[in-house]
Protein backbone atom coordinates (compact mmCIF):
# COMPACT_ATOMS: atom_id res chain seq x y z
CA MET A 1 0.00 0.00 0.00
CA ARG A 2 2.87 2.37 0.73
CA ARG A 3 4.38 1.73 -2.69
CA ALA A 4 1.08 2.42 -4.42
CA ALA A 5 0.56 5.61 -2.40
CA VAL A 6 4.09 6.86 -3.12
CA SER A 7 3.64 5.95 -6.78
CA ILE A 8 0.71 8.38 -7.04
CA ALA A 9 2.80 11.39 -6.08
CA SER A 10 5.87 10.13 -7.94
CA ASN A 11 4.02 9.79 -11.24
CA ILE A 12 2.52 13.26 -10.93
CA ALA A 13 6.01 14.67 -10.33
CA GLU A 14 7.55 12.70 -13.18
CA GLY A 15 4.84 13.79 -15.59
CA TRP A 16 5.26 17.42 -14.58
CA GLY A 17 9.00 17.11 -15.05
CA ARG A 18 8.57 16.01 -18.66
CA ARG A 19 7.46 19.56 -19.51
CA SER A 20 4.94 18.28 -22.02
CA ARG A 21 1.19 18.51 -21.54
CA LYS A 22 0.71 15.19 -23.33
CA ASP A 23 3.28 13.39 -21.14
CA TYR A 24 1.91 15.03 -18.00
CA SER A 25 -1.58 13.82 -18.88
CA ARG A 26 -0.30 10.28 -19.45
CA PHE A 27 1.47 10.20 -16.09
CA VAL A 28 -1.63 11.53 -14.33
CA LEU A 29 -3.45 8.49 -15.74
CA VAL A 30 -0.71 6.24 -14.37
CA ALA A 31 -1.11 7.97 -10.98
CA ARG A 32 -4.84 7.34 -11.15
CA GLY A 33 -4.07 3.67 -11.80
CA SER A 34 -1.85 3.61 -8.72
CA ASN A 35 -4.72 5.09 -6.71
CA ASP A 36 -7.01 2.35 -8.02
CA GLU A 37 -4.38 -0.20 -7.00
CA LEU A 38 -4.29 1.31 -3.51
CA GLN A 39 -8.09 1.13 -3.24
CA THR A 40 -8.00 -2.54 -4.22
CA GLN A 41 -5.36 -3.27 -1.60
CA LEU A 42 -7.47 -1.48 1.00
CA VAL A 43 -10.47 -3.67 0.18
CA ILE A 44 -8.35 -6.80 0.47
CA ALA A 45 -6.81 -5.68 3.77
CA GLU A 46 -10.24 -4.87 5.19
CA ARG A 47 -11.69 -8.21 4.14
CA LEU A 48 -8.73 -10.00 5.72
CA GLY A 49 -9.43 -8.17 8.99
CA PHE A 50 -6.31 -5.98 9.12
CA GLY A 51 -6.63 -2.60 10.78
CA GLU A 52 -9.60 -0.79 12.24
CA ALA A 53 -12.85 -0.28 10.33
CA GLU A 54 -12.88 3.47 11.05
CA LEU A 55 -9.45 3.85 9.46
CA PHE A 56 -10.57 2.08 6.29
CA VAL A 57 -13.53 4.44 5.99
CA GLU A 58 -11.27 7.48 6.38
CA VAL A 59 -8.55 6.24 4.04
CA ASN A 60 -11.07 5.17 1.39
CA ALA A 61 -12.66 8.62 1.50
CA LEU A 62 -9.26 10.26 1.04
CA SER A 63 -8.41 7.93 -1.83
CA ASP A 64 -11.77 8.67 -3.48
CA GLU A 65 -11.04 12.39 -3.20
CA ILE A 66 -7.58 11.92 -4.73
CA GLY A 67 -9.14 9.91 -7.55
CA LYS A 68 -11.58 12.72 -8.30
CA MET A 69 -8.78 15.28 -8.30
CA LEU A 70 -6.70 13.14 -10.67
CA SER A 71 -9.67 12.67 -13.00
CA GLY A 72 -10.30 16.42 -12.96
CA LEU A 73 -6.65 17.19 -13.67
CA HIS A 74 -6.58 14.66 -16.50
CA GLY A 75 -9.73 16.19 -17.99
CA PHE A 76 -8.23 19.65 -17.76
CA LEU A 77 -5.04 18.50 -19.48
CA GLN A 78 -7.10 16.95 -22.29
CA THR A 79 -8.78 20.23 -23.19
CA PRO A 80 -7.00 22.22 -25.88
CA ARG A 81 -5.07 25.19 -24.63
CA ARG A 82 -6.51 28.54 -25.53
CA LYS A 83 -4.39 31.38 -26.78
CA PRO A 84 -4.35 34.38 -24.46
CA LEU A 85 -6.75 37.10 -25.47
CA GLU A 86 -5.24 39.99 -27.32
CA PRO A 87 -5.93 43.35 -25.72
CA ASN A 88 -8.66 45.28 -27.51
CA THR A 89 -6.83 48.36 -28.75
CA SER A 90 -9.71 49.74 -30.82
CA ASN A 91 -11.07 51.59 -27.78
CA LEU A 92 -7.71 53.11 -26.97
CA GLU A 93 -7.69 56.11 -29.29
CA PRO A 94 -5.37 58.95 -28.38
CA THR A 95 -7.07 61.89 -26.68
């Protein structure tokens, strides 16, 4: 579980370090996969009776939140970048 959790942050950092929106997006997907792996391991650990039930509820909620953030970030990275708006100089006539 630690490896999966560390992998989430590591993949985000590696993707950011690639300095490419496409690469960053791909690594965010890998991070989301690591989060899914962590959630699976949490289910297995809970079913095997490891840990306290309250902790599983809390950790699952945090993992769900991370998953939503990763999905949102991936969606944002998939949208085409817009060019910055040019200033409207037609209203700026000399007085």
